[in-house]
């Protein structure tokens, strides 16, 4: 079974359980904490995926790192996944949980890529554009890519608005490679 399917199923189960228990917001913060910790600590991710380290040691590390910082439900979830030998998928589950949380709350995820960090005014403008397009609240992720030369790329779900200088140059290059001249003899 693929990593995405496994993560999706566990995330869905955790989401349903947290809604049932009334701890959805708390569990969402816990999953964000796990994602942030994994992003900052490559060693944690490698330890979770290691086939050499025993599952009991992995659980002990998770308890040492997260106990007191996450809810009882989240800690129980970590324990269950470790006992089922699925701890390698914890980070993927946390990311998928966040996507499912956003879908549950009606929040649209969008990514904007520019050549520079956004100012507050530009960020609000992009958020309002996405809100107008989707009629939903927006969670905007920002990326910086200097290869764009200028402009922006805005991704909303499976849609993309590419208004970058580099894409316009590529389009011109393609247009110039076409031979629109006719030979007259």
N, C-alpha and C. Protein backbone atom coordinates (compact mmCIF):
# COMPACT_ATOMS: atom_id res chain seq x y z
N UNK A 1 0.85 -1.17 0.00
CA UNK A 1 0.00 0.00 0.00
C UNK A 1 0.90 1.24 0.00
N UNK A 2 0.52 2.27 -0.72
CA UNK A 2 1.35 3.47 -0.83
C UNK A 2 1.34 4.28 0.47
N UNK A 3 2.39 5.06 0.62
CA UNK A 3 2.53 5.89 1.82
C UNK A 3 1.36 6.87 1.94
N UNK A 4 0.94 7.43 0.80
CA UNK A 4 -0.17 8.38 0.83
C UNK A 4 -1.46 7.73 1.33
N UNK A 5 -1.76 6.53 0.85
CA UNK A 5 -3.00 5.85 1.27
C UNK A 5 -2.97 5.51 2.75
N UNK A 6 -1.82 5.06 3.23
CA UNK A 6 -1.70 4.73 4.65
C UNK A 6 -1.88 5.99 5.48
N UNK A 7 -1.17 7.05 5.09
CA UNK A 7 -1.26 8.32 5.83
C UNK A 7 -2.68 8.87 5.79
N UNK A 8 -3.32 8.77 4.65
CA UNK A 8 -4.67 9.29 4.48
C UNK A 8 -5.66 8.56 5.39
N UNK A 9 -5.54 7.26 5.47
CA UNK A 9 -6.46 6.48 6.30
C UNK A 9 -6.28 6.77 7.78
N UNK A 10 -5.02 6.82 8.23
CA UNK A 10 -4.77 7.12 9.64
C UNK A 10 -5.19 8.56 9.97
N UNK A 11 -4.94 9.48 9.06
CA UNK A 11 -5.32 10.88 9.29
C UNK A 11 -6.84 11.00 9.38
N UNK A 12 -7.55 10.30 8.52
CA UNK A 12 -9.01 10.33 8.54
C UNK A 12 -9.55 9.77 9.85
N UNK A 13 -8.95 8.68 10.30
CA UNK A 13 -9.37 8.07 11.57
C UNK A 13 -9.13 9.03 12.74
N UNK A 14 -7.96 9.66 12.75
CA UNK A 14 -7.63 10.61 13.82
C UNK A 14 -8.55 11.82 13.76
N UNK A 15 -8.86 12.30 12.56
CA UNK A 15 -9.76 13.44 12.41
C UNK A 15 -11.15 13.09 12.94
N UNK A 16 -11.67 11.95 12.54
CA UNK A 16 -13.00 11.53 12.99
C UNK A 16 -13.05 11.37 14.51
N UNK A 17 -12.02 10.76 15.07
CA UNK A 17 -11.97 10.56 16.51
C UNK A 17 -11.85 11.89 17.26
N UNK A 18 -11.04 12.80 16.75
CA UNK A 18 -10.88 14.10 17.42
C UNK A 18 -12.16 14.94 17.33
N UNK A 19 -12.90 14.81 16.23
CA UNK A 19 -14.19 15.50 16.12
C UNK A 19 -15.17 14.91 17.13
N UNK A 20 -15.17 13.58 17.22
CA UNK A 20 -16.07 12.89 18.16
C UNK A 20 -15.76 13.28 19.60
N UNK A 21 -14.49 13.40 19.94
CA UNK A 21 -14.07 13.73 21.31
C UNK A 21 -14.10 15.24 21.58
N UNK A 22 -14.27 16.04 20.53
CA UNK A 22 -14.31 17.50 20.70
C UNK A 22 -12.94 18.13 20.89
N UNK A 23 -11.91 17.47 20.38
CA UNK A 23 -10.54 17.98 20.54
C UNK A 23 -9.87 18.26 19.21
N UNK A 24 -10.65 18.60 18.20
CA UNK A 24 -10.12 18.78 16.85
C UNK A 24 -9.04 19.85 16.79
N UNK A 25 -9.29 21.01 17.38
CA UNK A 25 -8.32 22.11 17.32
C UNK A 25 -7.01 21.73 18.02
N UNK A 26 -7.15 21.07 19.15
CA UNK A 26 -5.98 20.65 19.92
C UNK A 26 -5.13 19.64 19.15
N UNK A 27 -5.79 18.67 18.53
CA UNK A 27 -5.08 17.65 17.77
C UNK A 27 -4.44 18.27 16.52
N UNK A 28 -5.12 19.23 15.91
CA UNK A 28 -4.53 19.92 14.75
C UNK A 28 -3.23 20.62 15.15
N UNK A 29 -3.23 21.28 16.30
CA UNK A 29 -2.01 21.93 16.78
C UNK A 29 -0.92 20.91 17.05
N UNK A 30 -1.30 19.76 17.58
CA UNK A 30 -0.33 18.68 17.84
C UNK A 30 0.30 18.18 16.54
N UNK A 31 -0.53 18.00 15.52
CA UNK A 31 -0.02 17.51 14.23
C UNK A 31 0.88 18.56 13.57
N UNK A 32 0.54 19.84 13.75
CA UNK A 32 1.41 20.90 13.22
C UNK A 32 2.73 20.91 13.98
N UNK A 33 2.69 20.67 15.28
CA UNK A 33 3.91 20.59 16.07
C UNK A 33 4.79 19.43 15.59
N UNK A 34 4.19 18.30 15.31
CA UNK A 34 4.93 17.15 14.80
C UNK A 34 5.57 17.49 13.45
N UNK A 35 4.81 18.12 12.56
CA UNK A 35 5.34 18.50 11.24
C UNK A 35 6.50 19.47 11.37
N UNK A 36 6.34 20.49 12.23
CA UNK A 36 7.40 21.48 12.43
C UNK A 36 8.64 20.84 13.04
N UNK A 37 8.44 19.95 14.00
CA UNK A 37 9.57 19.28 14.64
C UNK A 37 10.30 18.41 13.63
N UNK A 38 9.56 17.70 12.77
CA UNK A 38 10.18 16.86 11.74
C UNK A 38 10.94 17.70 10.73
N UNK A 39 10.39 18.88 10.41
CA UNK A 39 11.05 19.78 9.47
C UNK A 39 12.38 20.28 10.02
N UNK A 40 12.42 20.54 11.32
CA UNK A 40 13.62 21.06 11.97
C UNK A 40 14.62 19.96 12.31
N UNK A 41 14.14 18.73 12.49
CA UNK A 41 15.01 17.65 12.93
C UNK A 41 14.98 16.48 11.96
N UNK A 42 15.96 16.44 11.08
CA UNK A 42 16.07 15.34 10.14
C UNK A 42 16.34 14.04 10.90
N UNK A 43 17.04 14.15 12.03
CA UNK A 43 17.35 12.96 12.83
C UNK A 43 16.09 12.27 13.33
N UNK A 44 15.08 13.04 13.71
CA UNK A 44 13.82 12.45 14.18
C UNK A 44 13.17 11.65 13.06
N UNK A 45 13.13 12.22 11.87
CA UNK A 45 12.51 11.53 10.73
C UNK A 45 13.28 10.26 10.40
N UNK A 46 14.60 10.35 10.38
CA UNK A 46 15.43 9.17 10.07
C UNK A 46 15.25 8.09 11.14
N UNK A 47 15.15 8.51 12.41
CA UNK A 47 14.95 7.55 13.49
C UNK A 47 13.61 6.83 13.32
N UNK A 48 12.55 7.57 12.98
CA UNK A 48 11.23 6.96 12.81
C UNK A 48 11.21 5.96 11.65
N UNK A 49 12.00 6.21 10.62
CA UNK A 49 12.01 5.35 9.45
C UNK A 49 13.05 4.22 9.54
N UNK A 50 13.89 4.27 10.54
CA UNK A 50 14.97 3.29 10.65
C UNK A 50 14.45 1.89 10.98
N UNK A 51 14.87 0.89 10.20
CA UNK A 51 14.47 -0.49 10.51
C UNK A 51 15.33 -1.11 11.62
N UNK A 52 16.42 -0.44 11.95
CA UNK A 52 17.35 -0.97 12.95
C UNK A 52 16.88 -0.67 14.37
N UNK A 53 16.33 0.50 14.57
CA UNK A 53 15.89 0.92 15.91
C UNK A 53 14.57 0.21 16.23
N UNK A 54 14.48 -0.33 17.43
CA UNK A 54 13.28 -1.07 17.82
C UNK A 54 12.09 -0.11 18.00
N UNK A 55 10.91 -0.67 17.89
CA UNK A 55 9.69 0.13 18.00
C UNK A 55 9.53 0.69 19.41
N UNK A 56 9.97 -0.06 20.41
CA UNK A 56 9.89 0.42 21.79
C UNK A 56 10.78 1.64 22.00
N UNK A 57 11.97 1.63 21.41
CA UNK A 57 12.88 2.78 21.52
C UNK A 57 12.31 4.00 20.79
N UNK A 58 11.68 3.76 19.65
CA UNK A 58 11.06 4.86 18.91
C UNK A 58 9.94 5.49 19.73
N UNK A 59 9.13 4.64 20.37
CA UNK A 59 8.05 5.14 21.21
C UNK A 59 8.61 5.92 22.40
N UNK A 60 9.69 5.43 22.98
CA UNK A 60 10.32 6.12 24.11
C UNK A 60 10.82 7.51 23.69
N UNK A 61 11.39 7.60 22.50
CA UNK A 61 11.86 8.89 21.99
C UNK A 61 10.67 9.82 21.75
N UNK A 62 9.62 9.30 21.13
CA UNK A 62 8.42 10.12 20.89
C UNK A 62 7.84 10.65 22.20
N UNK A 63 7.80 9.79 23.21
CA UNK A 63 7.28 10.22 24.52
C UNK A 63 8.18 11.29 25.13
N UNK A 64 9.48 11.10 25.01
CA UNK A 64 10.44 12.05 25.58
C UNK A 64 10.30 13.42 24.90
N UNK A 65 10.11 13.41 23.59
CA UNK A 65 10.04 14.66 22.82
C UNK A 65 8.68 15.34 22.97
N UNK A 66 7.59 14.58 22.95
CA UNK A 66 6.26 15.18 22.85
C UNK A 66 5.40 15.12 24.10
N UNK A 67 5.75 14.30 25.09
CA UNK A 67 4.91 14.19 26.27
C UNK A 67 4.84 15.53 27.00
N UNK A 68 3.64 15.94 27.34
CA UNK A 68 3.43 17.23 27.99
C UNK A 68 3.21 18.37 27.00
N UNK A 69 3.56 18.13 25.73
CA UNK A 69 3.40 19.14 24.69
C UNK A 69 2.20 18.86 23.80
N UNK A 70 1.77 17.58 23.78
CA UNK A 70 0.63 17.20 22.95
C UNK A 70 -0.47 16.62 23.83
N UNK A 71 -1.66 16.54 23.27
CA UNK A 71 -2.81 16.03 24.02
C UNK A 71 -2.68 14.54 24.29
N UNK A 72 -3.50 14.07 25.19
CA UNK A 72 -3.51 12.65 25.54
C UNK A 72 -3.94 11.81 24.34
N UNK A 73 -4.90 12.31 23.56
CA UNK A 73 -5.36 11.60 22.37
C UNK A 73 -4.23 11.45 21.36
N UNK A 74 -3.47 12.51 21.15
CA UNK A 74 -2.36 12.47 20.19
C UNK A 74 -1.28 11.50 20.67
N UNK A 75 -0.97 11.53 21.96
CA UNK A 75 0.04 10.62 22.50
C UNK A 75 -0.41 9.17 22.35
N UNK A 76 -1.70 8.92 22.57
CA UNK A 76 -2.25 7.58 22.39
C UNK A 76 -2.15 7.15 20.93
N UNK A 77 -2.38 8.09 20.04
CA UNK A 77 -2.27 7.83 18.60
C UNK A 77 -0.83 7.45 18.24
N UNK A 78 0.15 8.18 18.77
CA UNK A 78 1.55 7.86 18.54
C UNK A 78 1.84 6.43 19.03
N UNK A 79 1.31 6.09 20.20
CA UNK A 79 1.54 4.76 20.79
C UNK A 79 0.94 3.67 19.91
N UNK A 80 -0.28 3.88 19.43
CA UNK A 80 -0.95 2.88 18.59
C UNK A 80 -0.18 2.68 17.29
N UNK A 81 0.23 3.77 16.64
CA UNK A 81 0.96 3.64 15.39
C UNK A 81 2.29 2.92 15.60
N UNK A 82 2.95 3.21 16.71
CA UNK A 82 4.23 2.55 16.99
C UNK A 82 4.04 1.07 17.27
N UNK A 83 3.02 0.73 18.01
CA UNK A 83 2.75 -0.69 18.31
C UNK A 83 2.36 -1.46 17.05
N UNK A 84 1.74 -0.76 16.08
CA UNK A 84 1.37 -1.40 14.82
C UNK A 84 2.52 -1.33 13.79
N UNK A 85 3.66 -0.83 14.24
CA UNK A 85 4.86 -0.70 13.41
C UNK A 85 4.63 0.21 12.21
N UNK A 86 3.90 1.30 12.42
CA UNK A 86 3.61 2.27 11.37
C UNK A 86 4.18 3.65 11.69
N UNK A 87 5.11 3.72 12.63
CA UNK A 87 5.65 5.02 13.04
C UNK A 87 6.41 5.73 11.93
N UNK A 88 6.86 5.01 10.93
CA UNK A 88 7.56 5.62 9.80
C UNK A 88 6.64 6.56 9.02
N UNK A 89 5.33 6.37 9.18
CA UNK A 89 4.35 7.19 8.45
C UNK A 89 3.83 8.37 9.28
N UNK A 90 4.33 8.55 10.48
CA UNK A 90 3.80 9.60 11.37
C UNK A 90 3.86 11.00 10.75
N UNK A 91 4.97 11.34 10.14
CA UNK A 91 5.11 12.69 9.56
C UNK A 91 4.13 12.86 8.39
N UNK A 92 4.01 11.83 7.56
CA UNK A 92 3.06 11.88 6.44
C UNK A 92 1.63 11.97 6.96
N UNK A 93 1.33 11.27 8.04
CA UNK A 93 0.00 11.33 8.65
C UNK A 93 -0.28 12.75 9.15
N UNK A 94 0.72 13.38 9.77
CA UNK A 94 0.54 14.73 10.28
C UNK A 94 0.25 15.72 9.15
N UNK A 95 0.96 15.58 8.04
CA UNK A 95 0.73 16.47 6.90
C UNK A 95 -0.65 16.23 6.29
N UNK A 96 -1.01 14.97 6.13
CA UNK A 96 -2.31 14.64 5.57
C UNK A 96 -3.45 15.05 6.51
N UNK A 97 -3.22 14.94 7.81
CA UNK A 97 -4.22 15.38 8.78
C UNK A 97 -4.52 16.87 8.58
N UNK A 98 -3.46 17.65 8.37
CA UNK A 98 -3.65 19.09 8.19
C UNK A 98 -4.48 19.37 6.93
N UNK A 99 -4.23 18.64 5.84
CA UNK A 99 -5.02 18.82 4.61
C UNK A 99 -6.49 18.45 4.85
N UNK A 100 -6.70 17.34 5.56
CA UNK A 100 -8.08 16.92 5.83
C UNK A 100 -8.76 17.87 6.81
N UNK A 101 -8.01 18.41 7.75
CA UNK A 101 -8.54 19.41 8.68
C UNK A 101 -9.02 20.63 7.90
N UNK A 102 -8.19 21.11 6.97
CA UNK A 102 -8.58 22.26 6.15
C UNK A 102 -9.83 21.97 5.34
N UNK A 103 -9.91 20.79 4.76
CA UNK A 103 -11.10 20.42 3.99
C UNK A 103 -12.33 20.36 4.89
N UNK A 104 -12.17 19.83 6.09
CA UNK A 104 -13.27 19.73 7.06
C UNK A 104 -13.76 21.12 7.47
N UNK A 105 -12.83 22.05 7.63
CA UNK A 105 -13.17 23.41 8.05
C UNK A 105 -13.53 24.34 6.90
N UNK A 106 -13.41 23.86 5.66
CA UNK A 106 -13.74 24.68 4.50
C UNK A 106 -12.67 25.72 4.19
N UNK A 107 -11.43 25.37 4.44
CA UNK A 107 -10.30 26.28 4.19
C UNK A 107 -9.59 25.83 2.92
N UNK A 108 -9.40 26.75 1.99
CA UNK A 108 -8.73 26.46 0.73
C UNK A 108 -7.22 26.67 0.89
N UNK A 109 -6.45 25.70 0.44
CA UNK A 109 -4.99 25.82 0.49
C UNK A 109 -4.50 26.38 -0.84
N UNK A 110 -3.68 27.41 -0.77
CA UNK A 110 -3.12 28.02 -1.97
C UNK A 110 -1.63 28.27 -1.74
N UNK A 111 -0.87 28.21 -2.83
CA UNK A 111 0.57 28.46 -2.77
C UNK A 111 0.90 29.54 -3.77
N UNK A 112 1.63 30.55 -3.30
CA UNK A 112 2.08 31.61 -4.20
C UNK A 112 3.61 31.58 -4.22
N UNK A 113 4.16 31.58 -5.43
CA UNK A 113 5.60 31.58 -5.62
C UNK A 113 5.98 32.89 -6.28
N UNK A 114 6.89 33.63 -5.63
CA UNK A 114 7.35 34.91 -6.15
C UNK A 114 8.88 34.95 -6.10
N UNK A 115 9.46 36.03 -6.59
CA UNK A 115 10.92 36.16 -6.57
C UNK A 115 11.42 36.80 -5.28
N UNK A 116 10.49 37.22 -4.42
CA UNK A 116 10.85 37.90 -3.17
C UNK A 116 9.81 37.56 -2.11
N UNK A 117 10.18 37.71 -0.82
CA UNK A 117 9.18 37.49 0.23
C UNK A 117 8.04 38.52 0.13
N UNK A 118 6.82 38.06 0.38
CA UNK A 118 5.65 38.94 0.25
C UNK A 118 5.57 39.93 1.41
N UNK A 119 5.10 41.11 1.09
CA UNK A 119 4.78 42.09 2.13
C UNK A 119 3.39 41.76 2.66
N UNK A 120 3.01 42.36 3.77
CA UNK A 120 1.68 42.12 4.33
C UNK A 120 0.58 42.53 3.36
N UNK A 121 0.78 43.66 2.67
CA UNK A 121 -0.22 44.16 1.72
C UNK A 121 -0.40 43.18 0.56
N UNK A 122 0.71 42.67 0.00
CA UNK A 122 0.62 41.71 -1.10
C UNK A 122 -0.01 40.39 -0.65
N UNK A 123 0.35 39.98 0.55
CA UNK A 123 -0.21 38.73 1.10
C UNK A 123 -1.74 38.86 1.20
N UNK A 124 -2.21 39.97 1.73
CA UNK A 124 -3.66 40.19 1.86
C UNK A 124 -4.33 40.24 0.50
N UNK A 125 -3.64 40.83 -0.48
CA UNK A 125 -4.19 40.92 -1.83
C UNK A 125 -4.33 39.53 -2.45
N UNK A 126 -3.30 38.69 -2.31
CA UNK A 126 -3.38 37.33 -2.82
C UNK A 126 -4.48 36.55 -2.12
N UNK A 127 -4.59 36.71 -0.80
CA UNK A 127 -5.63 36.01 -0.05
C UNK A 127 -7.01 36.43 -0.52
N UNK A 128 -7.20 37.74 -0.77
CA UNK A 128 -8.52 38.20 -1.22
C UNK A 128 -8.84 37.69 -2.62
N UNK A 129 -7.83 37.57 -3.48
CA UNK A 129 -8.05 37.02 -4.82
C UNK A 129 -8.50 35.56 -4.73
N UNK A 130 -7.82 34.78 -3.89
CA UNK A 130 -8.18 33.37 -3.73
C UNK A 130 -9.57 33.25 -3.11
N UNK A 131 -9.88 34.10 -2.13
CA UNK A 131 -11.22 34.08 -1.52
C UNK A 131 -12.30 34.38 -2.54
N UNK A 132 -12.03 35.32 -3.47
CA UNK A 132 -13.01 35.64 -4.51
C UNK A 132 -13.19 34.47 -5.46
N UNK A 133 -12.09 33.78 -5.79
CA UNK A 133 -12.16 32.66 -6.73
C UNK A 133 -12.87 31.47 -6.11
N UNK A 134 -12.58 31.17 -4.85
CA UNK A 134 -13.08 29.94 -4.22
C UNK A 134 -14.26 30.15 -3.28
N UNK A 135 -14.49 31.37 -2.85
CA UNK A 135 -15.54 31.67 -1.86
C UNK A 135 -15.30 30.92 -0.55
N UNK A 136 -14.04 30.75 -0.18
CA UNK A 136 -13.66 30.07 1.05
C UNK A 136 -12.57 30.85 1.75
N UNK A 137 -12.36 30.49 3.03
CA UNK A 137 -11.21 31.03 3.74
C UNK A 137 -9.95 30.47 3.09
N UNK A 138 -8.82 31.16 3.31
CA UNK A 138 -7.60 30.78 2.61
C UNK A 138 -6.45 30.54 3.58
N UNK A 139 -5.70 29.49 3.30
CA UNK A 139 -4.41 29.28 3.97
C UNK A 139 -3.36 29.42 2.88
N UNK A 140 -2.62 30.52 2.92
CA UNK A 140 -1.66 30.83 1.86
C UNK A 140 -0.26 30.41 2.27
N UNK A 141 0.37 29.62 1.42
CA UNK A 141 1.76 29.22 1.62
C UNK A 141 2.61 30.01 0.65
N UNK A 142 3.70 30.55 1.14
CA UNK A 142 4.56 31.39 0.31
C UNK A 142 5.87 30.68 0.00
N UNK A 143 6.30 30.79 -1.26
CA UNK A 143 7.59 30.25 -1.68
C UNK A 143 8.33 31.32 -2.45
N UNK A 144 9.64 31.31 -2.34
CA UNK A 144 10.48 32.25 -3.07
C UNK A 144 11.31 31.46 -4.07
N UNK A 145 11.25 31.88 -5.35
CA UNK A 145 12.02 31.25 -6.42
C UNK A 145 12.53 32.35 -7.33
N UNK A 146 13.80 32.64 -7.22
CA UNK A 146 14.39 33.73 -7.99
C UNK A 146 14.47 33.41 -9.48
N UNK A 147 14.33 32.15 -9.86
CA UNK A 147 14.39 31.76 -11.26
C UNK A 147 13.17 32.26 -12.05
N UNK A 148 12.15 32.72 -11.36
CA UNK A 148 10.96 33.25 -12.05
C UNK A 148 11.25 34.57 -12.74
N UNK A 149 12.30 35.24 -12.35
CA UNK A 149 12.74 36.54 -12.84
C UNK A 149 11.82 37.65 -12.36
N UNK A 150 10.53 37.46 -12.46
CA UNK A 150 9.54 38.43 -11.98
C UNK A 150 8.15 37.84 -12.08
N UNK A 151 7.17 38.49 -11.52
CA UNK A 151 5.80 37.99 -11.55
C UNK A 151 5.55 36.99 -10.44
N UNK A 152 4.56 36.10 -10.66
CA UNK A 152 4.18 35.13 -9.63
C UNK A 152 3.54 33.89 -10.26
N UNK A 153 3.49 32.83 -9.47
CA UNK A 153 2.73 31.63 -9.81
C UNK A 153 1.82 31.36 -8.62
N UNK A 154 0.52 31.30 -8.86
CA UNK A 154 -0.46 31.07 -7.82
C UNK A 154 -1.14 29.73 -8.08
N UNK A 155 -1.02 28.80 -7.12
CA UNK A 155 -1.66 27.49 -7.24
C UNK A 155 -2.79 27.39 -6.23
N UNK A 156 -3.97 27.08 -6.74
CA UNK A 156 -5.15 26.91 -5.90
C UNK A 156 -5.72 25.55 -6.23
N UNK A 157 -5.51 24.59 -5.33
CA UNK A 157 -5.96 23.23 -5.62
C UNK A 157 -5.25 22.70 -6.85
N UNK A 158 -6.03 22.33 -7.87
CA UNK A 158 -5.42 21.83 -9.10
C UNK A 158 -5.34 22.90 -10.19
N UNK A 159 -5.65 24.13 -9.84
CA UNK A 159 -5.55 25.25 -10.79
C UNK A 159 -4.25 26.00 -10.57
N UNK A 160 -3.73 26.58 -11.65
CA UNK A 160 -2.50 27.36 -11.55
C UNK A 160 -2.61 28.60 -12.41
N UNK A 161 -2.25 29.73 -11.83
CA UNK A 161 -2.19 31.00 -12.55
C UNK A 161 -0.72 31.36 -12.63
N UNK A 162 -0.15 31.30 -13.83
CA UNK A 162 1.28 31.55 -14.02
C UNK A 162 1.46 32.88 -14.73
N UNK A 163 1.84 33.88 -13.97
CA UNK A 163 2.08 35.21 -14.52
C UNK A 163 3.55 35.60 -14.30
N UNK A 164 4.44 34.63 -14.51
CA UNK A 164 5.86 34.89 -14.28
C UNK A 164 6.54 35.27 -15.58
N UNK A 165 7.60 36.02 -15.46
CA UNK A 165 8.36 36.45 -16.63
C UNK A 165 9.02 35.25 -17.30
N UNK A 166 9.50 34.30 -16.51
CA UNK A 166 10.16 33.13 -17.09
C UNK A 166 9.20 32.31 -17.95
N UNK A 167 7.94 32.17 -17.54
CA UNK A 167 6.98 31.41 -18.36
C UNK A 167 6.65 32.17 -19.65
N UNK A 168 6.61 33.50 -19.58
CA UNK A 168 6.36 34.29 -20.78
C UNK A 168 7.53 34.18 -21.75
N UNK A 169 8.75 34.15 -21.22
CA UNK A 169 9.93 33.97 -22.07
C UNK A 169 9.94 32.59 -22.72
N UNK A 170 9.55 31.56 -21.97
CA UNK A 170 9.46 30.22 -22.54
C UNK A 170 8.43 30.18 -23.66
N UNK A 171 7.30 30.83 -23.46
CA UNK A 171 6.25 30.86 -24.49
C UNK A 171 6.76 31.57 -25.74
N UNK A 172 7.51 32.66 -25.56
CA UNK A 172 8.08 33.37 -26.71
C UNK A 172 9.09 32.48 -27.44
N UNK A 173 9.91 31.76 -26.69
CA UNK A 173 10.92 30.87 -27.28
C UNK A 173 10.23 29.81 -28.13
N UNK A 174 9.15 29.25 -27.63
CA UNK A 174 8.39 28.25 -28.38
C UNK A 174 7.80 28.87 -29.64
N UNK A 175 7.29 30.07 -29.52
CA UNK A 175 6.67 30.75 -30.67
C UNK A 175 7.72 31.04 -31.75
N UNK A 176 8.91 31.43 -31.33
CA UNK A 176 9.97 31.74 -32.30
C UNK A 176 10.52 30.48 -32.97
N UNK A 177 10.43 29.34 -32.32
CA UNK A 177 10.92 28.11 -32.94
C UNK A 177 9.99 27.61 -34.02
N UNK A 178 8.75 28.06 -33.98
CA UNK A 178 7.83 27.68 -35.05
C UNK A 178 8.19 28.49 -36.28
N UNK A 179 8.17 27.88 -37.43
CA UNK A 179 8.54 28.55 -38.67
C UNK A 179 7.26 29.05 -39.35
N UNK A 180 7.01 30.34 -39.20
CA UNK A 180 5.80 30.92 -39.77
C UNK A 180 6.04 31.49 -41.16
N UNK A 181 7.24 31.38 -41.65
CA UNK A 181 7.57 31.92 -42.97
C UNK A 181 7.31 30.87 -44.04
N UNK A 182 6.82 31.34 -45.16
CA UNK A 182 6.61 30.44 -46.29
C UNK A 182 7.64 30.76 -47.36
N UNK A 183 8.16 29.72 -47.95
CA UNK A 183 9.14 29.93 -49.01
C UNK A 183 8.38 30.22 -50.31
N UNK A 184 8.84 31.23 -51.02
CA UNK A 184 8.23 31.59 -52.31
C UNK A 184 9.27 31.38 -53.38
N UNK A 185 8.96 30.55 -54.34
CA UNK A 185 9.89 30.30 -55.45
C UNK A 185 9.26 30.63 -56.75
